Amino acid sequence: MSAKKVSSGKYTPQPTSNRVTYILGGIAILVIGALVIGGVLWSSGSGDPRNDGYGSVQNGAVEVSIEDDGAILLGRPDAPRTVDLFEDPLCPYCAELEHKHSQELAQAIDDGQLAIRYRMLAFLDRASSSGDYSTRAVAAAQCVAESGDARAFSAFHDALLSPDNQPAEGGDGDIDNAGLAQMARDAGASEDVAQCITDGARIDQASADAEAGRRLLATTGAAGTPAVVYEGTVIDALGDENWVTELVG
């Protein structure tokens, strides 16, 4: 009876026949080809805006307010569901999420199906040319929200994260306070709001609120921004394009 062979715990490569090698190689090529084709199809269609043409919030019944912890709540008072959306104004993936779903979310908000609690962070300040762009953008959003003009806030928030306006992470320039103030005017905000932004009136508060939001994000289990959280559960908002319709039923 031969002795039982005991493994040394190391993997020793064994020679493979040419025939098997060719078969495995052919399978690998087919798999890679399928992945490439799938990737092209995904990238060509997955970024298309949902509900394109709707725009930002339009319903006069929608309200906006700043909560005690600095979160900006946008929605009708009778909305049955509220999601927390964590994002940094400089985050490109946040812009990707907004590009795809902002109009779909706007209609859900207008229809009273959903409210959003925007938790705007500023951890990407260091990646901005000015060194404080995210904080200044959060402060600007708070200035608009503080006015109580929900339609202006929704339009400003969309503009802030649009490809036309969002500065590049690690880029050579970003938007100064005067530029943010003009963006707010274009969104329909008042001159008082524009002055609040130009003066940087909420920068210190925005910095503190953004840090509180960052600490809260760390408790959710989300890997980073954007993060959508509903009743303690992190939603795969970048991976599941139907998450809004699934949420509102």
C-alpha atoms as a PDB file:
ATOM      1  CA  MET A   1       0.000   0.000   0.000  1.00  0.00           C
ATOM      2  CA  SER A   2       1.501   3.291  -1.008  1.00  0.00           C
ATOM      3  CA  ALA A   3       2.010   6.063   1.503  1.00  0.00           C
ATOM      4  CA  LYS A   4      -0.589   8.848   1.574  1.00  0.00           C
ATOM      5  CA  LYS A   5       0.687  12.021  -0.100  1.00  0.00           C
ATOM      6  CA  VAL A   6       0.503  15.022   2.215  1.00  0.00           C
ATOM      7  CA  SER A   7       0.300  18.506   0.746  1.00  0.00           C
ATOM      8  CA  SER A   8       3.103  20.882   1.680  1.00  0.00           C
ATOM      9  CA  GLY A   9       0.690  23.811   1.683  1.00  0.00           C
ATOM     10  CA  LYS A  10       2.300  25.368  -1.411  1.00  0.00           C
ATOM     11  CA  TYR A  11       0.876  25.412  -4.880  1.00  0.00           C
ATOM     12  CA  THR A  12       3.115  23.798  -7.437  1.00  0.00           C
ATOM     13  CA  PRO A  13       2.182  24.595 -11.038  1.00  0.00           C
ATOM     14  CA  GLN A  14       1.630  21.516 -13.202  1.00  0.00           C
ATOM     15  CA  PRO A  15       2.249  21.387 -16.948  1.00  0.00           C
ATOM     16  CA  THR A  16      -0.861  21.769 -19.100  1.00  0.00           C
ATOM     17  CA  SER A  17      -1.282  20.149 -22.490  1.00  0.00           C
ATOM     18  CA  ASN A  18      -1.302  22.352 -25.587  1.00  0.00           C
ATOM     19  CA  ARG A  19      -4.870  21.274 -26.387  1.00  0.00           C
ATOM     20  CA  VAL A  20      -6.171  22.353 -22.986  1.00  0.00           C
ATOM     21  CA  THR A  21      -4.195  25.573 -23.222  1.00  0.00           C
ATOM     22  CA  TYR A  22      -5.809  26.448 -26.547  1.00  0.00           C
ATOM     23  CA  ILE A  23      -9.290  25.654 -25.208  1.00  0.00           C
ATOM     24  CA  LEU A  24      -8.770  27.778 -22.111  1.00  0.00           C
ATOM     25  CA  GLY A  25      -7.269  30.543 -24.208  1.00  0.00           C
ATOM     26  CA  GLY A  26     -10.260  30.507 -26.539  1.00  0.00           C
ATOM     27  CA  ILE A  27     -12.666  30.679 -23.613  1.00  0.00           C
ATOM     28  CA  ALA A  28     -10.719  33.582 -22.144  1.00  0.00           C
ATOM     29  CA  ILE A  29     -10.911  35.494 -25.427  1.00  0.00           C
ATOM     30  CA  LEU A  30     -14.658  34.938 -25.627  1.00  0.00           C
ATOM     31  CA  VAL A  31     -15.143  36.055 -22.022  1.00  0.00           C
ATOM     32  CA  ILE A  32     -12.977  39.149 -22.493  1.00  0.00           C
ATOM     33  CA  GLY A  33     -14.821  39.976 -25.717  1.00  0.00           C
ATOM     34  CA  ALA A  34     -18.174  39.679 -23.987  1.00  0.00           C
ATOM     35  CA  LEU A  35     -16.995  41.894 -21.153  1.00  0.00           C
ATOM     36  CA  VAL A  36     -15.711  44.531 -23.556  1.00  0.00           C
ATOM     37  CA  ILE A  37     -18.940  44.530 -25.569  1.00  0.00           C
ATOM     38  CA  GLY A  38     -20.993  44.619 -22.374  1.00  0.00           C
ATOM     39  CA  GLY A  39     -18.898  47.481 -21.080  1.00  0.00           C
ATOM     40  CA  VAL A  40     -19.405  49.469 -24.262  1.00  0.00           C
ATOM     41  CA  LEU A  41     -23.157  48.875 -24.163  1.00  0.00           C
ATOM     42  CA  TRP A  42     -23.299  49.816 -20.456  1.00  0.00           C
ATOM     43  CA  SER A  43     -21.307  53.001 -20.911  1.00  0.00           C
ATOM     44  CA  SER A  44     -23.266  54.028 -23.989  1.00  0.00           C
ATOM     45  CA  GLY A  45     -26.655  53.796 -22.292  1.00  0.00           C
ATOM     46  CA  SER A  46     -26.272  53.751 -18.531  1.00  0.00           C
ATOM     47  CA  GLY A  47     -25.480  57.445 -18.192  1.00  0.00           C
ATOM     48  CA  ASP A  48     -28.571  58.709 -20.022  1.00  0.00           C
ATOM     49  CA  PRO A  49     -30.706  60.985 -17.805  1.00  0.00           C
ATOM     50  CA  ARG A  50     -33.895  59.384 -16.563  1.00  0.00           C
ATOM     51  CA  ASN A  51     -37.064  61.393 -17.102  1.00  0.00           C
ATOM     52  CA  ASP A  52     -35.062  63.714 -19.354  1.00  0.00           C
ATOM     53  CA  GLY A  53     -36.819  67.008 -20.014  1.00  0.00           C
ATOM     54  CA  TYR A  54     -38.552  67.298 -16.651  1.00  0.00           C
ATOM     55  CA  GLY A  55     -36.035  69.682 -15.123  1.00  0.00           C
ATOM     56  CA  SER A  56     -35.770  70.655 -11.464  1.00  0.00           C
ATOM     57  CA  VAL A  57     -38.510  70.905  -8.826  1.00  0.00           C
ATOM     58  CA  GLN A  58     -41.538  72.909 -10.010  1.00  0.00           C
ATOM     59  CA  ASN A  59     -44.332  72.359  -7.484  1.00  0.00           C
ATOM     60  CA  GLY A  60     -45.000  75.353  -5.244  1.00  0.00           C
ATOM     61  CA  ALA A  61     -46.033  72.967  -2.452  1.00  0.00           C
ATOM     62  CA  VAL A  62     -42.445  71.727  -2.121  1.00  0.00           C
ATOM     63  CA  GLU A  63     -40.552  73.239   0.802  1.00  0.00           C
ATOM     64  CA  VAL A  64     -36.867  73.564   1.635  1.00  0.00           C
ATOM     65  CA  SER A  65     -35.285  74.072   5.026  1.00  0.00           C
ATOM     66  CA  ILE A  66     -32.007  73.636   6.872  1.00  0.00           C
ATOM     67  CA  GLU A  67     -32.220  71.168   9.720  1.00  0.00           C
ATOM     68  CA  ASP A  68     -30.400  71.563  13.038  1.00  0.00           C
ATOM     69  CA  ASP A  69     -27.501  69.375  11.897  1.00  0.00           C
ATOM     70  CA  GLY A  70     -27.050  71.341   8.661  1.00  0.00           C
ATOM     71  CA  ALA A  71     -28.823  68.894   6.345  1.00  0.00           C
ATOM     72  CA  ILE A  72     -30.993  70.512   3.669  1.00  0.00           C
ATOM     73  CA  LEU A  73     -34.465  68.972   3.485  1.00  0.00           C
ATOM     74  CA  LEU A  74     -36.306  69.301   0.175  1.00  0.00           C
ATOM     75  CA  GLY A  75     -39.820  67.945  -0.228  1.00  0.00           C
ATOM     76  CA  ARG A  76     -43.504  68.322   0.403  1.00  0.00           C
ATOM     77  CA  PRO A  77     -44.500  68.133   4.073  1.00  0.00           C
ATOM     78  CA  ASP A  78     -46.700  65.089   3.342  1.00  0.00           C
ATOM     79  CA  ALA A  79     -43.972  63.047   1.619  1.00  0.00           C
ATOM     80  CA  PRO A  80     -44.112  59.483   3.027  1.00  0.00           C
ATOM     81  CA  ARG A  81     -40.439  58.707   2.476  1.00  0.00           C
ATOM     82  CA  THR A  82     -37.253  60.648   3.082  1.00  0.00           C
ATOM     83  CA  VAL A  83     -33.853  59.550   1.817  1.00  0.00           C
ATOM     84  CA  ASP A  84     -30.503  60.871   2.953  1.00  0.00           C
ATOM     85  CA  LEU A  85     -28.188  61.783   0.086  1.00  0.00           C
ATOM     86  CA  PHE A  86     -24.530  62.352   0.975  1.00  0.00           C
ATOM     87  CA  GLU A  87     -22.489  64.169  -1.652  1.00  0.00           C
ATOM     88  CA  ASP A  88     -19.532  66.506  -2.091  1.00  0.00           C
ATOM     89  CA  PRO A  89     -19.893  69.311  -4.671  1.00  0.00           C
ATOM     90  CA  LEU A  90     -16.535  68.326  -6.186  1.00  0.00           C
ATOM     91  CA  CYS A  91     -17.249  64.572  -6.343  1.00  0.00           C
ATOM     92  CA  PRO A  92     -17.495  63.424  -9.993  1.00  0.00           C
ATOM     93  CA  TYR A  93     -19.531  60.341  -9.090  1.00  0.00           C
ATOM     94  CA  CYS A  94     -22.005  62.569  -7.264  1.00  0.00           C
ATOM     95  CA  ALA A  95     -22.347  64.548 -10.486  1.00  0.00           C
ATOM     96  CA  GLU A  96     -22.864  61.273 -12.362  1.00  0.00           C
ATOM     97  CA  LEU A  97     -25.673  60.309  -9.989  1.00  0.00           C
ATOM     98  CA  GLU A  98     -27.320  63.710 -10.296  1.00  0.00           C
ATOM     99  CA  HIS A  99     -26.992  63.739 -14.090  1.00  0.00           C
ATOM    100  CA  LYS A 100     -28.812  60.432 -14.299  1.00  0.00           C
ATOM    101  CA  HIS A 101     -31.429  60.761 -11.563  1.00  0.00           C
ATOM    102  CA  SER A 102     -31.959  64.434 -10.634  1.00  0.00           C
ATOM    103  CA  GLN A 103     -34.943  64.937 -12.966  1.00  0.00           C
ATOM    104  CA  GLU A 104     -36.497  61.658 -11.897  1.00  0.00           C
ATOM    105  CA  LEU A 105     -36.046  62.707  -8.266  1.00  0.00           C
ATOM    106  CA  ALA A 106     -37.500  66.145  -8.967  1.00  0.00           C
ATOM    107  CA  GLN A 107     -40.739  64.639 -10.257  1.00  0.00           C
ATOM    108  CA  ALA A 108     -40.939  62.246  -7.311  1.00  0.00           C
ATOM    109  CA  ILE A 109     -40.519  65.244  -4.996  1.00  0.00           C
ATOM    110  CA  ASP A 110     -43.110  67.293  -6.895  1.00  0.00           C
ATOM    111  CA  ASP A 111     -45.560  64.385  -6.774  1.00  0.00           C
ATOM    112  CA  GLY A 112     -45.129  64.092  -3.012  1.00  0.00           C
ATOM    113  CA  GLN A 113     -43.706  60.581  -3.222  1.00  0.00           C
ATOM    114  CA  LEU A 114     -40.309  61.401  -1.792  1.00  0.00           C
ATOM    115  CA  ALA A 115     -38.303  63.995   0.122  1.00  0.00           C
ATOM    116  CA  ILE A 116     -34.534  64.283   0.090  1.00  0.00           C
ATOM    117  CA  ARG A 117     -32.284  65.240   2.952  1.00  0.00           C
ATOM    118  CA  TYR A 118     -29.126  66.550   1.280  1.00  0.00           C
ATOM    119  CA  ARG A 119     -26.083  66.042   3.485  1.00  0.00           C
ATOM    120  CA  MET A 120     -23.431  68.046   1.695  1.00  0.00           C
ATOM    121  CA  LEU A 121     -19.837  67.254   2.585  1.00  0.00           C
ATOM    122  CA  ALA A 122     -16.537  69.024   1.991  1.00  0.00           C
ATOM    123  CA  PHE A 123     -13.794  66.409   2.298  1.00  0.00           C
ATOM    124  CA  LEU A 124     -12.634  67.194  -1.249  1.00  0.00           C
ATOM    125  CA  ASP A 125     -11.598  70.764  -0.379  1.00  0.00           C
ATOM    126  CA  ARG A 126      -7.997  69.599  -0.632  1.00  0.00           C
ATOM    127  CA  ALA A 127      -8.575  68.512  -4.242  1.00  0.00           C
ATOM    128  CA  SER A 128      -9.836  71.939  -5.322  1.00  0.00           C
ATOM    129  CA  SER A 129      -7.683  74.672  -6.779  1.00  0.00           C
ATOM    130  CA  SER A 130      -8.752  77.199  -4.132  1.00  0.00           C
ATOM    131  CA  GLY A 131      -8.398  74.691  -1.303  1.00  0.00           C
ATOM    132  CA  ASP A 132     -11.911  75.379  -0.009  1.00  0.00           C
ATOM    133  CA  TYR A 133     -14.251  75.031  -2.972  1.00  0.00           C
ATOM    134  CA  SER A 134     -16.414  72.275  -1.495  1.00  0.00           C
ATOM    135  CA  THR A 135     -16.984  74.224   1.717  1.00  0.00           C
ATOM    136  CA  ARG A 136     -17.851  77.398  -0.195  1.00  0.00           C
ATOM    137  CA  ALA A 137     -20.252  75.479  -2.432  1.00  0.00           C
ATOM    138  CA  VAL A 138     -21.940  73.916   0.597  1.00  0.00           C
ATOM    139  CA  ALA A 139     -22.221  77.383   2.162  1.00  0.00           C
ATOM    140  CA  ALA A 140     -23.754  78.709  -1.066  1.00  0.00           C
ATOM    141  CA  ALA A 141     -26.311  75.885  -1.100  1.00  0.00           C
ATOM    142  CA  GLN A 142     -27.189  76.717   2.492  1.00  0.00           C
ATOM    143  CA  CYS A 143     -27.664  80.377   1.593  1.00  0.00           C
ATOM    144  CA  VAL A 144     -30.174  79.373  -1.078  1.00  0.00           C
ATOM    145  CA  ALA A 145     -31.931  76.873   1.185  1.00  0.00           C
ATOM    146  CA  GLU A 146     -32.111  79.392   4.023  1.00  0.00           C
ATOM    147  CA  SER A 147     -34.275  81.622   1.824  1.00  0.00           C
ATOM    148  CA  GLY A 148     -36.996  78.951   1.754  1.00  0.00           C
ATOM    149  CA  ASP A 149     -37.227  79.036  -2.044  1.00  0.00           C
ATOM    150  CA  ALA A 150     -37.434  75.349  -2.910  1.00  0.00           C
ATOM    151  CA  ARG A 151     -37.493  75.844  -6.664  1.00  0.00           C
ATOM    152  CA  ALA A 152     -34.410  78.060  -6.567  1.00  0.00           C
ATOM    153  CA  PHE A 153     -32.586  75.580  -4.348  1.00  0.00           C
ATOM    154  CA  SER A 154     -33.417  72.639  -6.596  1.00  0.00           C
ATOM    155  CA  ALA A 155     -32.250  74.517  -9.701  1.00  0.00           C
ATOM    156  CA  PHE A 156     -29.098  75.737  -7.943  1.00  0.00           C
ATOM    157  CA  HIS A 157     -28.262  72.259  -6.664  1.00  0.00           C
ATOM    158  CA  ASP A 158     -28.669  70.832 -10.165  1.00  0.00           C
ATOM    159  CA  ALA A 159     -26.423  73.561 -11.594  1.00  0.00           C
ATOM    160  CA  LEU A 160     -23.809  73.019  -8.902  1.00  0.00           C
ATOM    161  CA  LEU A 161     -23.377  69.380  -9.905  1.00  0.00           C
ATOM    162  CA  SER A 162     -23.840  69.758 -13.645  1.00  0.00           C
ATOM    163  CA  PRO A 163     -20.965  68.887 -16.019  1.00  0.00           C
ATOM    164  CA  ASP A 164     -21.045  72.482 -17.274  1.00  0.00           C
ATOM    165  CA  ASN A 165     -20.223  73.908 -13.847  1.00  0.00           C
ATOM    166  CA  GLN A 166     -18.567  71.308 -11.637  1.00  0.00           C
ATOM    167  CA  PRO A 167     -14.807  71.953 -11.390  1.00  0.00           C
ATOM    168  CA  ALA A 168     -12.475  69.061 -12.042  1.00  0.00           C
ATOM    169  CA  GLU A 169     -11.127  67.247  -9.021  1.00  0.00           C
ATOM    170  CA  GLY A 170      -7.466  68.243  -8.873  1.00  0.00           C
ATOM    171  CA  GLY A 171      -8.030  70.810 -11.632  1.00  0.00           C
ATOM    172  CA  ASP A 172      -6.379  74.161 -12.235  1.00  0.00           C
ATOM    173  CA  GLY A 173      -9.355  76.297 -11.221  1.00  0.00           C
ATOM    174  CA  ASP A 174     -12.758  76.350  -9.589  1.00  0.00           C
ATOM    175  CA  ILE A 175     -15.593  78.821  -8.986  1.00  0.00           C
ATOM    176  CA  ASP A 176     -15.199  81.823  -6.692  1.00  0.00           C
ATOM    177  CA  ASN A 177     -17.959  83.177  -4.478  1.00  0.00           C
ATOM    178  CA  ALA A 178     -19.015  85.724  -7.079  1.00  0.00           C
ATOM    179  CA  GLY A 179     -19.463  82.923  -9.597  1.00  0.00           C
ATOM    180  CA  LEU A 180     -21.482  80.849  -7.131  1.00  0.00           C
ATOM    181  CA  ALA A 181     -23.636  83.908  -6.400  1.00  0.00           C
ATOM    182  CA  GLN A 182     -24.335  84.387 -10.108  1.00  0.00           C
ATOM    183  CA  MET A 183     -25.227  80.710 -10.402  1.00  0.00           C
ATOM    184  CA  ALA A 184     -27.753  81.240  -7.610  1.00  0.00           C
ATOM    185  CA  ARG A 185     -29.237  84.268  -9.402  1.00  0.00           C
ATOM    186  CA  ASP A 186     -29.544  82.204 -12.576  1.00  0.00           C
ATOM    187  CA  ALA A 187     -31.422  79.596 -10.549  1.00  0.00           C
ATOM    188  CA  GLY A 188     -33.923  82.222  -9.440  1.00  0.00           C
ATOM    189  CA  ALA A 189     -32.512  83.136  -6.028  1.00  0.00           C
ATOM    190  CA  SER A 190     -32.856  86.668  -4.662  1.00  0.00           C
ATOM    191  CA  GLU A 191     -30.185  89.331  -4.355  1.00  0.00           C
ATOM    192  CA  ASP A 192     -30.115  88.760  -0.596  1.00  0.00           C
ATOM    193  CA  VAL A 193     -29.156  85.147  -1.266  1.00  0.00           C
ATOM    194  CA  ALA A 194     -26.500  86.232  -3.760  1.00  0.00           C
ATOM    195  CA  GLN A 195     -25.077  88.616  -1.163  1.00  0.00           C
ATOM    196  CA  CYS A 196     -25.001  85.836   1.439  1.00  0.00           C
ATOM    197  CA  ILE A 197     -22.906  83.767  -0.979  1.00  0.00           C
ATOM    198  CA  THR A 198     -20.641  86.620  -2.042  1.00  0.00           C
ATOM    199  CA  ASP A 199     -19.920  87.518   1.588  1.00  0.00           C
ATOM    200  CA  GLY A 200     -19.255  83.919   2.571  1.00  0.00           C
ATOM    201  CA  ALA A 201     -21.730  84.406   5.407  1.00  0.00           C
ATOM    202  CA  ARG A 202     -22.308  80.698   6.036  1.00  0.00           C
ATOM    203  CA  ILE A 203     -18.819  79.326   5.418  1.00  0.00           C
ATOM    204  CA  ASP A 204     -17.954  78.605   9.056  1.00  0.00           C
ATOM    205  CA  GLN A 205     -21.318  76.962   9.653  1.00  0.00           C
ATOM    206  CA  ALA A 206     -21.078  75.003   6.417  1.00  0.00           C
ATOM    207  CA  SER A 207     -17.640  73.716   7.407  1.00  0.00           C
ATOM    208  CA  ALA A 208     -18.943  72.460  10.748  1.00  0.00           C
ATOM    209  CA  ASP A 209     -22.048  70.918   9.163  1.00  0.00           C
ATOM    210  CA  ALA A 210     -20.017  69.203   6.441  1.00  0.00           C
ATOM    211  CA  GLU A 211     -17.731  67.651   9.043  1.00  0.00           C
ATOM    212  CA  ALA A 212     -20.736  66.429  11.035  1.00  0.00           C
ATOM    213  CA  GLY A 213     -22.120  64.923   7.841  1.00  0.00           C
ATOM    214  CA  ARG A 214     -18.813  63.199   7.133  1.00  0.00           C
ATOM    215  CA  ARG A 215     -18.831  61.606  10.579  1.00  0.00           C
ATOM    216  CA  LEU A 216     -22.427  60.489  10.072  1.00  0.00           C
ATOM    217  CA  LEU A 217     -21.576  58.972   6.685  1.00  0.00           C
ATOM    218  CA  ALA A 218     -18.898  56.851   8.356  1.00  0.00           C
ATOM    219  CA  THR A 219     -21.584  55.173  10.481  1.00  0.00           C
ATOM    220  CA  THR A 220     -23.803  54.165   7.551  1.00  0.00           C
ATOM    221  CA  GLY A 221     -21.586  51.490   6.047  1.00  0.00           C
ATOM    222  CA  ALA A 222     -21.389  53.350   2.734  1.00  0.00           C
ATOM    223  CA  ALA A 223     -18.015  53.235   0.991  1.00  0.00           C
ATOM    224  CA  GLY A 224     -18.007  56.922   0.032  1.00  0.00           C
ATOM    225  CA  THR A 225     -19.954  59.515  -1.903  1.00  0.00           C
ATOM    226  CA  PRO A 226     -22.467  59.581  -3.376  1.00  0.00           C
ATOM    227  CA  ALA A 227     -24.352  57.609  -0.760  1.00  0.00           C
ATOM    228  CA  VAL A 228     -28.107  57.194  -0.659  1.00  0.00           C
ATOM    229  CA  VAL A 229     -29.471  55.891   2.634  1.00  0.00           C
ATOM    230  CA  TYR A 230     -33.091  55.027   3.367  1.00  0.00           C
ATOM    231  CA  GLU A 231     -34.150  53.967   6.852  1.00  0.00           C
ATOM    232  CA  GLY A 232     -30.626  52.826   7.675  1.00  0.00           C
ATOM    233  CA  THR A 233     -30.103  50.857   4.453  1.00  0.00           C
ATOM    234  CA  VAL A 234     -27.554  51.944   1.867  1.00  0.00           C
ATOM    235  CA  ILE A 235     -29.062  51.924  -1.635  1.00  0.00           C
ATOM    236  CA  ASP A 236     -26.904  50.976  -4.625  1.00  0.00           C
ATOM    237  CA  ALA A 237     -27.809  54.181  -6.448  1.00  0.00           C
ATOM    238  CA  LEU A 238     -24.973  53.985  -8.979  1.00  0.00           C
ATOM    239  CA  GLY A 239     -25.405  50.288  -9.684  1.00  0.00           C
ATOM    240  CA  ASP A 240     -29.205  50.002  -9.780  1.00  0.00           C
ATOM    241  CA  GLU A 241     -30.684  52.454 -12.264  1.00  0.00           C
ATOM    242  CA  ASN A 242     -34.215  51.629 -11.076  1.00  0.00           C
ATOM    243  CA  TRP A 243     -33.646  52.526  -7.441  1.00  0.00           C
ATOM    244  CA  VAL A 244     -35.938  55.574  -7.492  1.00  0.00           C
ATOM    245  CA  THR A 245     -38.919  53.768  -9.009  1.00  0.00           C
ATOM    246  CA  GLU A 246     -38.345  50.808  -6.699  1.00  0.00           C
ATOM    247  CA  LEU A 247     -38.255  53.120  -3.693  1.00  0.00           C
ATOM    248  CA  VAL A 248     -41.427  55.048  -4.478  1.00  0.00           C
ATOM    249  CA  GLY A 249     -43.293  51.943  -5.599  1.00  0.00           C
END
